Amino acid sequence: MKLADLRRLSIREQIRIHFRLRNGLECVVTEHGIAQVPGIKGVPSFNLEDELAWAGEFLLEPAAGPAKELPSPRSAAREELASMLPRAAAATAAEHEEE
């Protein structure tokens, strides 16, 4: 699982994906596919791809919308998140074929 895979998944499913870094900070991949580490000011001393490889637990949070329609955030293990990736990749490929 690569960061690019999470970015595609977050855009396709309109979710925010949170995971903890080894230094205690948190990375959030937004519904726009942008990986952010809140609190970082300047060049980080770590590589997000390496941190993602280390992460085992993720929080999936629905993107903003009408509050009544949003499901609750939920935890997902690496295996569950990985199983969601082929579905997102297939949907993206189908869209490109239609263009």
PDB file of N, CA and C in Angstrom:
ATOM      1  N   MET A   1       0.857  -1.178   0.000  1.00  0.00           N
ATOM      2  CA  MET A   1       0.000   0.000   0.000  1.00  0.00           C
ATOM      3  C   MET A   1       0.900   1.237   0.000  1.00  0.00           C
ATOM      4  N   LYS A   2       0.653   2.102  -0.928  1.00  0.00           N
ATOM      5  CA  LYS A   2       1.429   3.338  -1.078  1.00  0.00           C
ATOM      6  C   LYS A   2       0.554   4.538  -0.737  1.00  0.00           C
ATOM      7  N   LEU A   3       1.204   5.666  -0.510  1.00  0.00           N
ATOM      8  CA  LEU A   3       0.489   6.902  -0.217  1.00  0.00           C
ATOM      9  C   LEU A   3      -0.415   7.293  -1.385  1.00  0.00           C
ATOM     10  N   ALA A   4       0.026   7.056  -2.598  1.00  0.00           N
ATOM     11  CA  ALA A   4      -0.802   7.377  -3.778  1.00  0.00           C
ATOM     12  C   ALA A   4      -2.100   6.567  -3.762  1.00  0.00           C
ATOM     13  N   ASP A   5      -2.031   5.316  -3.278  1.00  0.00           N
ATOM     14  CA  ASP A   5      -3.236   4.484  -3.179  1.00  0.00           C
ATOM     15  C   ASP A   5      -4.225   5.098  -2.189  1.00  0.00           C
ATOM     16  N   LEU A   6      -3.717   5.556  -1.046  1.00  0.00           N
ATOM     17  CA  LEU A   6      -4.596   6.192  -0.055  1.00  0.00           C
ATOM     18  C   LEU A   6      -5.186   7.482  -0.591  1.00  0.00           C
ATOM     19  N   ARG A   7      -4.401   8.208  -1.353  1.00  0.00           N
ATOM     20  CA  ARG A   7      -4.901   9.456  -1.922  1.00  0.00           C
ATOM     21  C   ARG A   7      -6.075   9.190  -2.861  1.00  0.00           C
ATOM     22  N   ARG A   8      -5.921   8.182  -3.746  1.00  0.00           N
ATOM     23  CA  ARG A   8      -7.010   7.824  -4.666  1.00  0.00           C
ATOM     24  C   ARG A   8      -8.248   7.367  -3.898  1.00  0.00           C
ATOM     25  N   LEU A   9      -8.036   6.540  -2.872  1.00  0.00           N
ATOM     26  CA  LEU A   9      -9.149   6.027  -2.074  1.00  0.00           C
ATOM     27  C   LEU A   9      -9.882   7.163  -1.374  1.00  0.00           C
ATOM     28  N   SER A  10      -9.149   8.101  -0.801  1.00  0.00           N
ATOM     29  CA  SER A  10      -9.784   9.206  -0.072  1.00  0.00           C
ATOM     30  C   SER A  10     -10.621  10.083  -1.003  1.00  0.00           C
ATOM     31  N   ILE A  11     -10.138  10.290  -2.220  1.00  0.00           N
ATOM     32  CA  ILE A  11     -10.891  11.088  -3.190  1.00  0.00           C
ATOM     33  C   ILE A  11     -12.126  10.330  -3.650  1.00  0.00           C
ATOM     34  N   ARG A  12     -11.946   9.076  -4.010  1.00  0.00           N
ATOM     35  CA  ARG A  12     -13.040   8.256  -4.539  1.00  0.00           C
ATOM     36  C   ARG A  12     -14.159   8.093  -3.504  1.00  0.00           C
ATOM     37  N   GLU A  13     -13.789   7.791  -2.256  1.00  0.00           N
ATOM     38  CA  GLU A  13     -14.779   7.512  -1.212  1.00  0.00           C
ATOM     39  C   GLU A  13     -15.194   8.761  -0.430  1.00  0.00           C
ATOM     40  N   GLN A  14     -14.539   9.893  -0.706  1.00  0.00           N
ATOM     41  CA  GLN A  14     -14.799  11.146   0.010  1.00  0.00           C
ATOM     42  C   GLN A  14     -14.682  10.946   1.518  1.00  0.00           C
ATOM     43  N   ILE A  15     -13.504  10.451   1.915  1.00  0.00           N
ATOM     44  CA  ILE A  15     -13.197  10.226   3.332  1.00  0.00           C
ATOM     45  C   ILE A  15     -11.850  10.847   3.660  1.00  0.00           C
ATOM     46  N   ARG A  16     -11.629  11.053   4.941  1.00  0.00           N
ATOM     47  CA  ARG A  16     -10.317  11.446   5.451  1.00  0.00           C
ATOM     48  C   ARG A  16      -9.732  10.209   6.115  1.00  0.00           C
ATOM     49  N   ILE A  17      -8.485   9.934   5.816  1.00  0.00           N
ATOM     50  CA  ILE A  17      -7.812   8.765   6.374  1.00  0.00           C
ATOM     51  C   ILE A  17      -6.716   9.256   7.311  1.00  0.00           C
ATOM     52  N   HIS A  18      -6.839   8.886   8.579  1.00  0.00           N
ATOM     53  CA  HIS A  18      -5.865   9.285   9.605  1.00  0.00           C
ATOM     54  C   HIS A  18      -4.984   8.088   9.947  1.00  0.00           C
ATOM     55  N   PHE A  19      -3.687   8.331  10.152  1.00  0.00           N
ATOM     56  CA  PHE A  19      -2.829   7.295  10.713  1.00  0.00           C
ATOM     57  C   PHE A  19      -1.724   7.942  11.538  1.00  0.00           C
ATOM     58  N   ARG A  20      -1.292   7.223  12.566  1.00  0.00           N
ATOM     59  CA  ARG A  20      -0.269   7.732  13.483  1.00  0.00           C
ATOM     60  C   ARG A  20       1.120   7.527  12.912  1.00  0.00           C
ATOM     61  N   LEU A  21       1.970   8.507  13.163  1.00  0.00           N
ATOM     62  CA  LEU A  21       3.371   8.421  12.794  1.00  0.00           C
ATOM     63  C   LEU A  21       4.151   7.909  14.006  1.00  0.00           C
ATOM     64  N   ARG A  22       5.335   7.384  13.789  1.00  0.00           N
ATOM     65  CA  ARG A  22       6.131   6.847  14.899  1.00  0.00           C
ATOM     66  C   ARG A  22       6.534   7.906  15.904  1.00  0.00           C
ATOM     67  N   ASN A  23       6.586   9.157  15.503  1.00  0.00           N
ATOM     68  CA  ASN A  23       6.982  10.233  16.422  1.00  0.00           C
ATOM     69  C   ASN A  23       5.793  10.774  17.220  1.00  0.00           C
ATOM     70  N   GLY A  24       4.616  10.150  17.082  1.00  0.00           N
ATOM     71  CA  GLY A  24       3.440  10.563  17.847  1.00  0.00           C
ATOM     72  C   GLY A  24       2.519  11.519  17.114  1.00  0.00           C
ATOM     73  N   LEU A  25       2.978  12.079  15.999  1.00  0.00           N
ATOM     74  CA  LEU A  25       2.123  12.958  15.211  1.00  0.00           C
ATOM     75  C   LEU A  25       1.146  12.118  14.399  1.00  0.00           C
ATOM     76  N   GLU A  26       0.267  12.795  13.687  1.00  0.00           N
ATOM     77  CA  GLU A  26      -0.737  12.113  12.890  1.00  0.00           C
ATOM     78  C   GLU A  26      -0.722  12.667  11.470  1.00  0.00           C
ATOM     79  N   CYS A  27      -0.879  11.784  10.504  1.00  0.00           N
ATOM     80  CA  CYS A  27      -1.029  12.186   9.109  1.00  0.00           C
ATOM     81  C   CYS A  27      -2.497  12.053   8.744  1.00  0.00           C
ATOM     82  N   VAL A  28      -2.999  13.028   8.018  1.00  0.00           N
ATOM     83  CA  VAL A  28      -4.376  12.997   7.534  1.00  0.00           C
ATOM     84  C   VAL A  28      -4.345  13.139   6.020  1.00  0.00           C
ATOM     85  N   VAL A  29      -4.905  12.141   5.332  1.00  0.00           N
ATOM     86  CA  VAL A  29      -5.063  12.235   3.882  1.00  0.00           C
ATOM     87  C   VAL A  29      -6.483  12.733   3.669  1.00  0.00           C
ATOM     88  N   THR A  30      -6.627  13.940   3.152  1.00  0.00           N
ATOM     89  CA  THR A  30      -7.933  14.582   3.039  1.00  0.00           C
ATOM     90  C   THR A  30      -8.746  14.005   1.889  1.00  0.00           C
ATOM     91  N   GLU A  31     -10.008  14.382   1.839  1.00  0.00           N
ATOM     92  CA  GLU A  31     -10.895  13.956   0.759  1.00  0.00           C
ATOM     93  C   GLU A  31     -10.467  14.534  -0.590  1.00  0.00           C
ATOM     94  N   HIS A  32      -9.490  15.441  -0.570  1.00  0.00           N
ATOM     95  CA  HIS A  32      -8.942  16.021  -1.800  1.00  0.00           C
ATOM     96  C   HIS A  32      -7.640  15.330  -2.199  1.00  0.00           C
ATOM     97  N   GLY A  33      -7.241  14.315  -1.416  1.00  0.00           N
ATOM     98  CA  GLY A  33      -6.036  13.561  -1.721  1.00  0.00           C
ATOM     99  C   GLY A  33      -4.755  14.197  -1.237  1.00  0.00           C
ATOM    100  N   ILE A  34      -4.860  15.147  -0.342  1.00  0.00           N
ATOM    101  CA  ILE A  34      -3.683  15.850   0.171  1.00  0.00           C
ATOM    102  C   ILE A  34      -3.285  15.248   1.514  1.00  0.00           C
ATOM    103  N   ALA A  35      -2.024  14.834   1.626  1.00  0.00           N
ATOM    104  CA  ALA A  35      -1.505  14.300   2.888  1.00  0.00           C
ATOM    105  C   ALA A  35      -0.987  15.466   3.725  1.00  0.00           C
ATOM    106  N   GLN A  36      -1.519  15.589   4.932  1.00  0.00           N
ATOM    107  CA  GLN A  36      -1.139  16.689   5.824  1.00  0.00           C
ATOM    108  C   GLN A  36      -0.710  16.136   7.170  1.00  0.00           C
ATOM    109  N   VAL A  37       0.260  16.794   7.783  1.00  0.00           N
ATOM    110  CA  VAL A  37       0.667  16.466   9.143  1.00  0.00           C
ATOM    111  C   VAL A  37       0.488  17.745   9.954  1.00  0.00           C
ATOM    112  N   PRO A  38      -0.666  17.866  10.651  1.00  0.00           N
ATOM    113  CA  PRO A  38      -0.916  19.075  11.440  1.00  0.00           C
ATOM    114  C   PRO A  38       0.195  19.288  12.480  1.00  0.00           C
ATOM    115  N   GLY A  39       0.617  20.522  12.602  1.00  0.00           N
ATOM    116  CA  GLY A  39       1.642  20.868  13.580  1.00  0.00           C
ATOM    117  C   GLY A  39       3.043  20.920  13.005  1.00  0.00           C
ATOM    118  N   ILE A  40       3.226  20.455  11.782  1.00  0.00           N
ATOM    119  CA  ILE A  40       4.554  20.499  11.155  1.00  0.00           C
ATOM    120  C   ILE A  40       4.755  21.876  10.547  1.00  0.00           C
ATOM    121  N   LYS A  41       5.848  22.491  10.912  1.00  0.00           N
ATOM    122  CA  LYS A  41       6.222  23.780  10.333  1.00  0.00           C
ATOM    123  C   LYS A  41       7.636  23.613   9.796  1.00  0.00           C
ATOM    124  N   GLY A  42       7.734  23.536   8.497  1.00  0.00           N
ATOM    125  CA  GLY A  42       9.040  23.342   7.884  1.00  0.00           C
ATOM    126  C   GLY A  42       9.180  21.954   7.297  1.00  0.00           C
ATOM    127  N   VAL A  43      10.405  21.612   6.949  1.00  0.00           N
ATOM    128  CA  VAL A  43      10.689  20.330   6.308  1.00  0.00           C
ATOM    129  C   VAL A  43      10.695  19.237   7.379  1.00  0.00           C
ATOM    130  N   PRO A  44       9.898  18.184   7.192  1.00  0.00           N
ATOM    131  CA  PRO A  44       9.864  17.122   8.200  1.00  0.00           C
ATOM    132  C   PRO A  44      11.130  16.265   8.157  1.00  0.00           C
ATOM    133  N   SER A  45      11.415  15.614   9.266  1.00  0.00           N
ATOM    134  CA  SER A  45      12.596  14.748   9.359  1.00  0.00           C
ATOM    135  C   SER A  45      12.232  13.284   9.102  1.00  0.00           C
ATOM    136  N   PHE A  46      11.095  13.058   8.466  1.00  0.00           N
ATOM    137  CA  PHE A  46      10.634  11.696   8.197  1.00  0.00           C
ATOM    138  C   PHE A  46      10.040  11.624   6.804  1.00  0.00           C
ATOM    139  N   ASN A  47       9.833  10.408   6.323  1.00  0.00           N
ATOM    140  CA  ASN A  47       9.255  10.159   5.010  1.00  0.00           C
ATOM    141  C   ASN A  47       7.873   9.551   5.216  1.00  0.00           C
ATOM    142  N   LEU A  48       6.841  10.140   4.637  1.00  0.00           N
ATOM    143  CA  LEU A  48       5.481   9.647   4.835  1.00  0.00           C
ATOM    144  C   LEU A  48       5.286   8.238   4.284  1.00  0.00           C
ATOM    145  N   GLU A  49       5.962   7.883   3.200  1.00  0.00           N
ATOM    146  CA  GLU A  49       5.854   6.515   2.673  1.00  0.00           C
ATOM    147  C   GLU A  49       6.359   5.507   3.705  1.00  0.00           C
ATOM    148  N   ASP A  50       7.480   5.824   4.368  1.00  0.00           N
ATOM    149  CA  ASP A  50       8.026   4.938   5.404  1.00  0.00           C
ATOM    150  C   ASP A  50       7.075   4.854   6.595  1.00  0.00           C
ATOM    151  N   GLU A  51       6.506   5.978   6.972  1.00  0.00           N
ATOM    152  CA  GLU A  51       5.581   6.006   8.104  1.00  0.00           C
ATOM    153  C   GLU A  51       4.312   5.216   7.789  1.00  0.00           C
ATOM    154  N   LEU A  52       3.840   5.307   6.557  1.00  0.00           N
ATOM    155  CA  LEU A  52       2.665   4.552   6.148  1.00  0.00           C
ATOM    156  C   LEU A  52       2.939   3.053   6.204  1.00  0.00           C
ATOM    157  N   ALA A  53       4.128   2.639   5.784  1.00  0.00           N
ATOM    158  CA  ALA A  53       4.500   1.226   5.831  1.00  0.00           C
ATOM    159  C   ALA A  53       4.488   0.712   7.268  1.00  0.00           C
ATOM    160  N   TRP A  54       4.777   1.560   8.222  1.00  0.00           N
ATOM    161  CA  TRP A  54       4.803   1.199   9.641  1.00  0.00           C
ATOM    162  C   TRP A  54       3.400   1.171  10.246  1.00  0.00           C
ATOM    163  N   ALA A  55       2.498   1.982   9.748  1.00  0.00           N
ATOM    164  CA  ALA A  55       1.155   2.131  10.332  1.00  0.00           C
ATOM    165  C   ALA A  55       0.346   0.844  10.193  1.00  0.00           C
ATOM    166  N   GLY A  56      -0.395   0.512  11.251  1.00  0.00           N
ATOM    167  CA  GLY A  56      -1.221  -0.686  11.232  1.00  0.00           C
ATOM    168  C   GLY A  56      -2.689  -0.402  11.468  1.00  0.00           C
ATOM    169  N   GLU A  57      -2.992   0.772  11.992  1.00  0.00           N
ATOM    170  CA  GLU A  57      -4.375   1.135  12.321  1.00  0.00           C
ATOM    171  C   GLU A  57      -4.685   2.492  11.689  1.00  0.00           C
ATOM    172  N   PHE A  58      -5.878   2.598  11.139  1.00  0.00           N
ATOM    173  CA  PHE A  58      -6.295   3.813  10.445  1.00  0.00           C
ATOM    174  C   PHE A  58      -7.665   4.229  10.940  1.00  0.00           C
ATOM    175  N   LEU A  59      -7.934   5.525  10.883  1.00  0.00           N
ATOM    176  CA  LEU A  59      -9.261   6.049  11.201  1.00  0.00           C
ATOM    177  C   LEU A  59      -9.841   6.597   9.911  1.00  0.00           C
ATOM    178  N   LEU A  60     -11.016   6.108   9.535  1.00  0.00           N
ATOM    179  CA  LEU A  60     -11.703   6.562   8.328  1.00  0.00           C
ATOM    180  C   LEU A  60     -12.820   7.494   8.755  1.00  0.00           C
ATOM    181  N   GLU A  61     -12.725   8.741   8.329  1.00  0.00           N
ATOM    182  CA  GLU A  61     -13.679   9.771   8.724  1.00  0.00           C
ATOM    183  C   GLU A  61     -14.380  10.312   7.481  1.00  0.00           C
ATOM    184  N   PRO A  62     -15.699  10.251   7.440  1.00  0.00           N
ATOM    185  CA  PRO A  62     -16.424  10.807   6.287  1.00  0.00           C
ATOM    186  C   PRO A  62     -16.115  12.293   6.121  1.00  0.00           C
ATOM    187  N   ALA A  63     -16.032  12.732   4.882  1.00  0.00           N
ATOM    188  CA  ALA A  63     -15.777  14.145   4.600  1.00  0.00           C
ATOM    189  C   ALA A  63     -16.988  14.977   4.997  1.00  0.00           C
ATOM    190  N   ALA A  64     -16.800  16.264   5.097  1.00  0.00           N
ATOM    191  CA  ALA A  64     -17.866  17.175   5.511  1.00  0.00           C
ATOM    192  C   ALA A  64     -19.052  17.108   4.567  1.00  0.00           C
ATOM    193  N   GLY A  65     -20.207  17.256   5.114  1.00  0.00           N
ATOM    194  CA  GLY A  65     -21.463  17.247   4.374  1.00  0.00           C
ATOM    195  C   GLY A  65     -22.572  17.495   5.375  1.00  0.00           C
ATOM    196  N   PRO A  66     -23.801  17.312   4.982  1.00  0.00           N
ATOM    197  CA  PRO A  66     -24.885  17.462   5.947  1.00  0.00           C
ATOM    198  C   PRO A  66     -24.695  16.484   7.110  1.00  0.00           C
ATOM    199  N   ALA A  67     -24.663  17.000   8.320  1.00  0.00           N
ATOM    200  CA  ALA A  67     -24.344  16.204   9.509  1.00  0.00           C
ATOM    201  C   ALA A  67     -25.285  15.014   9.688  1.00  0.00           C
ATOM    202  N   LYS A  68     -26.512  15.133   9.277  1.00  0.00           N
ATOM    203  CA  LYS A  68     -27.470  14.054   9.458  1.00  0.00           C
ATOM    204  C   LYS A  68     -27.115  12.831   8.609  1.00  0.00           C
ATOM    205  N   GLU A  69     -26.428  13.043   7.492  1.00  0.00           N
ATOM    206  CA  GLU A  69     -26.139  11.968   6.561  1.00  0.00           C
ATOM    207  C   GLU A  69     -24.793  11.300   6.804  1.00  0.00           C
ATOM    208  N   LEU A  70     -23.940  11.889   7.621  1.00  0.00           N
ATOM    209  CA  LEU A  70     -22.592  11.371   7.787  1.00  0.00           C
ATOM    210  C   LEU A  70     -22.560  10.185   8.747  1.00  0.00           C
ATOM    211  N   PRO A  71     -21.946   9.090   8.334  1.00  0.00           N
ATOM    212  CA  PRO A  71     -21.741   7.992   9.278  1.00  0.00           C
ATOM    213  C   PRO A  71     -20.634   8.371  10.257  1.00  0.00           C
ATOM    214  N   SER A  72     -20.531   7.645  11.331  1.00  0.00           N
ATOM    215  CA  SER A  72     -19.510   7.910  12.341  1.00  0.00           C
ATOM    216  C   SER A  72     -18.141   7.485  11.824  1.00  0.00           C
ATOM    217  N   PRO A  73     -17.093   8.169  12.295  1.00  0.00           N
ATOM    218  CA  PRO A  73     -15.741   7.711  11.953  1.00  0.00           C
ATOM    219  C   PRO A  73     -15.548   6.290  12.471  1.00  0.00           C
ATOM    220  N   ARG A  74     -14.723   5.515  11.779  1.00  0.00           N
ATOM    221  CA  ARG A  74     -14.492   4.150  12.232  1.00  0.00           C
ATOM    222  C   ARG A  74     -13.038   3.765  12.022  1.00  0.00           C
ATOM    223  N   SER A  75     -12.596   2.818  12.830  1.00  0.00           N
ATOM    224  CA  SER A  75     -11.231   2.304  12.723  1.00  0.00           C
ATOM    225  C   SER A  75     -11.178   1.209  11.672  1.00  0.00           C
ATOM    226  N   ALA A  76     -10.022   1.085  11.055  1.00  0.00           N
ATOM    227  CA  ALA A  76      -9.807   0.025  10.084  1.00  0.00           C
ATOM    228  C   ALA A  76      -8.364  -0.451  10.211  1.00  0.00           C
ATOM    229  N   ALA A  77      -8.187  -1.756  10.193  1.00  0.00           N
ATOM    230  CA  ALA A  77      -6.848  -2.331  10.195  1.00  0.00           C
ATOM    231  C   ALA A  77      -6.252  -2.213   8.799  1.00  0.00           C
ATOM    232  N   ARG A  78      -4.964  -2.379   8.695  1.00  0.00           N
ATOM    233  CA  ARG A  78      -4.265  -2.294   7.415  1.00  0.00           C
ATOM    234  C   ARG A  78      -4.870  -3.237   6.381  1.00  0.00           C
ATOM    235  N   GLU A  79      -5.215  -4.449   6.786  1.00  0.00           N
ATOM    236  CA  GLU A  79      -5.765  -5.441   5.867  1.00  0.00           C
ATOM    237  C   GLU A  79      -7.111  -4.978   5.296  1.00  0.00           C
ATOM    238  N   GLU A  80      -7.959  -4.401   6.149  1.00  0.00           N
ATOM    239  CA  GLU A  80      -9.263  -3.918   5.676  1.00  0.00           C
ATOM    240  C   GLU A  80      -9.096  -2.772   4.684  1.00  0.00           C
ATOM    241  N   LEU A  81      -8.191  -1.857   5.008  1.00  0.00           N
ATOM    242  CA  LEU A  81      -7.941  -0.717   4.123  1.00  0.00           C
ATOM    243  C   LEU A  81      -7.367  -1.202   2.788  1.00  0.00           C
ATOM    244  N   ALA A  82      -6.468  -2.167   2.844  1.00  0.00           N
ATOM    245  CA  ALA A  82      -5.884  -2.709   1.624  1.00  0.00           C
ATOM    246  C   ALA A  82      -6.952  -3.369   0.752  1.00  0.00           C
ATOM    247  N   SER A  83      -7.948  -3.984   1.367  1.00  0.00           N
ATOM    248  CA  SER A  83      -9.004  -4.626   0.587  1.00  0.00           C
ATOM    249  C   SER A  83      -9.899  -3.602  -0.109  1.00  0.00           C
ATOM    250  N   MET A  84      -9.923  -2.366   0.390  1.00  0.00           N
ATOM    251  CA  MET A  84     -10.709  -1.302  -0.229  1.00  0.00           C
ATOM    252  C   MET A  84      -9.993  -0.708  -1.451  1.00  0.00           C
ATOM    253  N   LEU A  85      -8.695  -0.880  -1.533  1.00  0.00           N
ATOM    254  CA  LEU A  85      -7.908  -0.245  -2.593  1.00  0.00           C
ATOM    255  C   LEU A  85      -8.225  -0.747  -3.993  1.00  0.00           C
ATOM    256  N   PRO A  86      -8.338  -2.050  -4.230  1.00  0.00           N
ATOM    257  CA  PRO A  86      -8.647  -2.487  -5.608  1.00  0.00           C
ATOM    258  C   PRO A  86      -9.975  -1.921  -6.115  1.00  0.00           C
ATOM    259  N   ARG A  87     -10.943  -1.788  -5.229  1.00  0.00           N
ATOM    260  CA  ARG A  87     -12.240  -1.238  -5.615  1.00  0.00           C
ATOM    261  C   ARG A  87     -12.073   0.204  -6.087  1.00  0.00           C
ATOM    262  N   ALA A  88     -11.281   0.990  -5.374  1.00  0.00           N
ATOM    263  CA  ALA A  88     -11.064   2.393  -5.746  1.00  0.00           C
ATOM    264  C   ALA A  88     -10.261   2.482  -7.046  1.00  0.00           C
ATOM    265  N   ALA A  89      -9.261   1.618  -7.205  1.00  0.00           N
ATOM    266  CA  ALA A  89      -8.442   1.641  -8.414  1.00  0.00           C
ATOM    267  C   ALA A  89      -9.269   1.249  -9.638  1.00  0.00           C
ATOM    268  N   ALA A  90     -10.136   0.259  -9.482  1.00  0.00           N
ATOM    269  CA  ALA A  90     -10.976  -0.184 -10.603  1.00  0.00           C
ATOM    270  C   ALA A  90     -11.944   0.913 -11.021  1.00  0.00           C
ATOM    271  N   ALA A  91     -12.512   1.619 -10.056  1.00  0.00           N
ATOM    272  CA  ALA A  91     -13.445   2.700 -10.370  1.00  0.00           C
ATOM    273  C   ALA A  91     -12.725   3.837 -11.095  1.00  0.00           C
ATOM    274  N   THR A  92     -11.515   4.149 -10.672  1.00  0.00           N
ATOM    275  CA  THR A  92     -10.739   5.202 -11.322  1.00  0.00           C
ATOM    276  C   THR A  92     -10.393   4.803 -12.750  1.00  0.00           C
ATOM    277  N   ALA A  93      -9.997   3.549 -12.950  1.00  0.00           N
ATOM    278  CA  ALA A  93      -9.662   3.069 -14.295  1.00  0.00           C
ATOM    279  C   ALA A  93     -10.876   3.118 -15.205  1.00  0.00           C
ATOM    280  N   ALA A  94     -12.043   2.762 -14.685  1.00  0.00           N
ATOM    281  CA  ALA A  94     -13.273   2.787 -15.488  1.00  0.00           C
ATOM    282  C   ALA A  94     -13.609   4.208 -15.924  1.00  0.00           C
ATOM    283  N   GLU A  95     -13.384   5.181 -15.040  1.00  0.00           N
ATOM    284  CA  GLU A  95     -13.651   6.582 -15.392  1.00  0.00           C
ATOM    285  C   GLU A  95     -12.744   7.035 -16.519  1.00  0.00           C
ATOM    286  N   HIS A  96     -11.474   6.640 -16.480  1.00  0.00           N
ATOM    287  CA  HIS A  96     -10.518   7.063 -17.511  1.00  0.00           C
ATOM    288  C   HIS A  96     -10.841   6.419 -18.855  1.00  0.00           C
ATOM    289  N   GLU A  97     -11.370   5.210 -18.841  1.00  0.00           N
ATOM    290  CA  GLU A  97     -11.750   4.551 -20.086  1.00  0.00           C
ATOM    291  C   GLU A  97     -12.932   5.248 -20.749  1.00  0.00           C
ATOM    292  N   GLU A  98     -13.821   5.830 -19.947  1.00  0.00           N
ATOM    293  CA  GLU A  98     -14.985   6.522 -20.476  1.00  0.00           C
ATOM    294  C   GLU A  98     -14.624   7.840 -21.151  1.00  0.00           C
ATOM    295  N   GLU A  99     -13.508   8.428 -20.763  1.00  0.00           N
ATOM    296  CA  GLU A  99     -13.119   9.736 -21.303  1.00  0.00           C
ATOM    297  C   GLU A  99     -12.639   9.622 -22.668  1.00  0.00           C
TER     298      GLU A  99
END
